[in-house]
Protein backbone atom coordinates (compact mmCIF):
# COMPACT_ATOMS: atom_id res chain seq x y z
CA MET A 1 85.04 89.06 122.41
CA TYR A 2 86.47 86.74 119.82
CA CYS A 3 89.57 84.83 118.82
CA LYS A 4 89.74 83.67 115.22
CA ASN A 5 92.57 82.69 112.90
CA SER A 6 93.14 85.14 110.03
CA GLU A 7 93.18 82.21 107.57
CA ASP A 8 89.51 81.53 108.42
CA TYR A 9 88.29 84.84 106.95
CA LYS A 10 86.92 85.15 103.43
CA LYS A 11 89.43 86.65 101.01
CA ASN A 12 88.25 88.88 98.16
CA ASP A 13 90.11 90.08 95.10
CA ILE A 14 90.96 93.79 95.25
CA PRO A 15 89.73 95.72 92.18
CA LYS A 16 92.32 97.46 89.96
CA THR A 17 95.19 95.36 91.38
CA VAL A 18 97.24 92.46 90.06
CA ASP A 19 96.98 89.26 92.15
CA ALA A 20 95.92 91.00 95.37
CA GLN A 21 93.40 89.84 97.95
CA ILE A 22 91.94 91.33 101.11
CA ALA A 23 90.30 89.84 104.20
CA VAL A 24 88.60 92.15 106.70
CA LEU A 25 89.45 90.76 110.15
CA THR A 26 87.52 93.22 112.32
CA PRO A 27 83.84 92.47 113.03
CA SER A 28 81.44 94.89 111.33
CA GLU A 29 80.05 96.07 114.68
CA ASP A 30 83.44 97.52 115.71
CA LYS A 31 83.08 101.32 115.53
CA ASP A 32 86.71 102.38 116.21
CA PHE A 33 89.06 100.73 113.74
CA ILE A 34 89.37 98.12 111.00
CA VAL A 35 92.14 95.56 110.57
CA ARG A 36 92.58 94.06 107.12
CA LYS A 37 94.96 91.35 105.94
CA ILE A 38 96.25 92.01 102.43
CA ILE A 39 98.04 89.44 100.31
CA LEU A 40 99.97 90.32 97.16
CA LYS A 41 100.98 87.18 95.31
CA LYS A 42 104.51 87.04 93.86
CA ASN A 43 104.69 89.69 91.10
CA GLY A 44 101.36 91.15 92.25
CA SER A 45 100.86 94.90 92.61
CA MET A 46 98.55 97.61 93.87
CA PRO A 47 98.44 100.82 91.79
CA ASN A 48 99.55 104.24 92.99
CA HIS A 49 96.71 105.82 94.96
CA THR A 50 95.78 108.09 97.85
CA ASN A 51 93.30 107.71 100.70
CA LEU A 52 91.54 110.31 102.83
CA ILE A 53 92.54 108.42 105.98
CA GLN A 54 95.89 107.35 107.41
CA HIS A 55 97.12 103.73 107.32
CA GLN A 56 99.28 101.78 109.71
CA GLN A 57 100.70 98.56 108.32
CA TYR A 58 102.65 95.63 109.73
CA VAL A 59 104.39 93.20 107.37
CA LEU A 60 103.67 89.56 108.21
CA LYS A 61 105.49 87.75 105.42
CA GLY A 62 107.69 88.31 102.38
CA SER A 63 109.02 91.56 100.98
CA ALA A 64 107.86 94.15 98.46
CA LYS A 65 108.70 97.49 96.94
CA VAL A 66 106.52 100.02 98.74
CA ILE A 67 106.53 103.63 97.60
CA VAL A 68 105.08 106.19 100.01
CA GLY A 69 105.15 109.72 98.64
CA GLU A 70 108.67 110.15 97.21
CA GLU A 71 110.25 107.43 99.40
CA GLU A 72 110.87 103.89 98.15
CA TYR A 73 111.22 101.07 100.68
CA LYS A 74 112.00 97.37 100.48
CA ALA A 75 109.44 96.42 103.11
CA LYS A 76 109.99 93.04 104.74
CA GLN A 77 108.64 90.81 107.48
CA GLY A 78 108.53 92.66 110.81
CA ASP A 79 108.51 96.17 109.30
CA PHE A 80 105.94 98.78 110.34
CA ILE A 81 104.81 101.32 107.75
CA TYR A 82 102.91 104.53 108.43
CA ILE A 83 101.10 106.20 105.52
CA PRO A 84 99.66 109.66 106.29
CA ALA A 85 96.25 110.63 104.93
CA GLY A 86 96.42 112.01 101.37
CA VAL A 87 99.91 110.66 100.59
CA ASN A 88 100.24 108.53 97.45
CA HIS A 89 101.40 104.92 97.89
CA TYR A 90 102.08 101.89 95.70
CA TYR A 91 103.02 98.22 96.25
CA GLU A 92 104.84 95.69 94.09
CA ALA A 93 105.71 92.12 95.21
CA CYS A 94 108.80 92.03 93.00
CA TYR A 95 111.24 90.14 95.26
CA ASP A 96 110.30 86.53 94.38
CA SER A 97 107.81 85.99 97.21
CA ASP A 98 104.24 86.65 98.26
CA TYR A 99 103.82 89.76 100.42
CA GLU A 100 101.36 89.76 103.31
CA PHE A 101 100.59 92.60 105.68
CA LEU A 102 98.04 93.86 108.16
CA CYS A 103 96.57 97.26 107.36
CA MET A 104 94.93 99.11 110.23
CA ILE A 105 92.64 102.07 109.53
CA ASN A 106 90.06 104.03 111.48
CA THR A 107 86.37 103.85 110.61
CA LYS A 108 86.10 107.38 109.22
CA GLU A 109 84.77 107.78 105.69
CA ASP A 110 87.48 107.02 103.13
CA GLU A 111 87.93 107.77 99.45
CA ILE A 112 90.49 106.13 97.18
CA ASN A 113 91.90 108.17 94.28
CA PHE A 114 94.05 106.39 91.71
CA ILE A 115 97.04 108.25 90.28
CA ASP A 116 97.89 107.69 86.61
């Protein structure tokens, strides 16, 4: 068991993004799921990509343009986003604020494919 503040976790830059960081909140011994906190700084972005596994995301702070498949959303604090496996998605913190969200995934093998 544990109880730890998400600000206490080490944040790492995310490759191929603009001003994006990730902190893995779940202990490495957890075999069921992984919770990650992702921060896109104002005007930051994450390129269009797909994953082999589904994502469930909960927006903690700010707002951003989030494109999932053909749908564009203005995601904001309190929103829940579901991204099915294999569906392209993209993020852009273009609304004058940082964008922070939790991203929950299972521990199955994943592969990220970037879309030009």
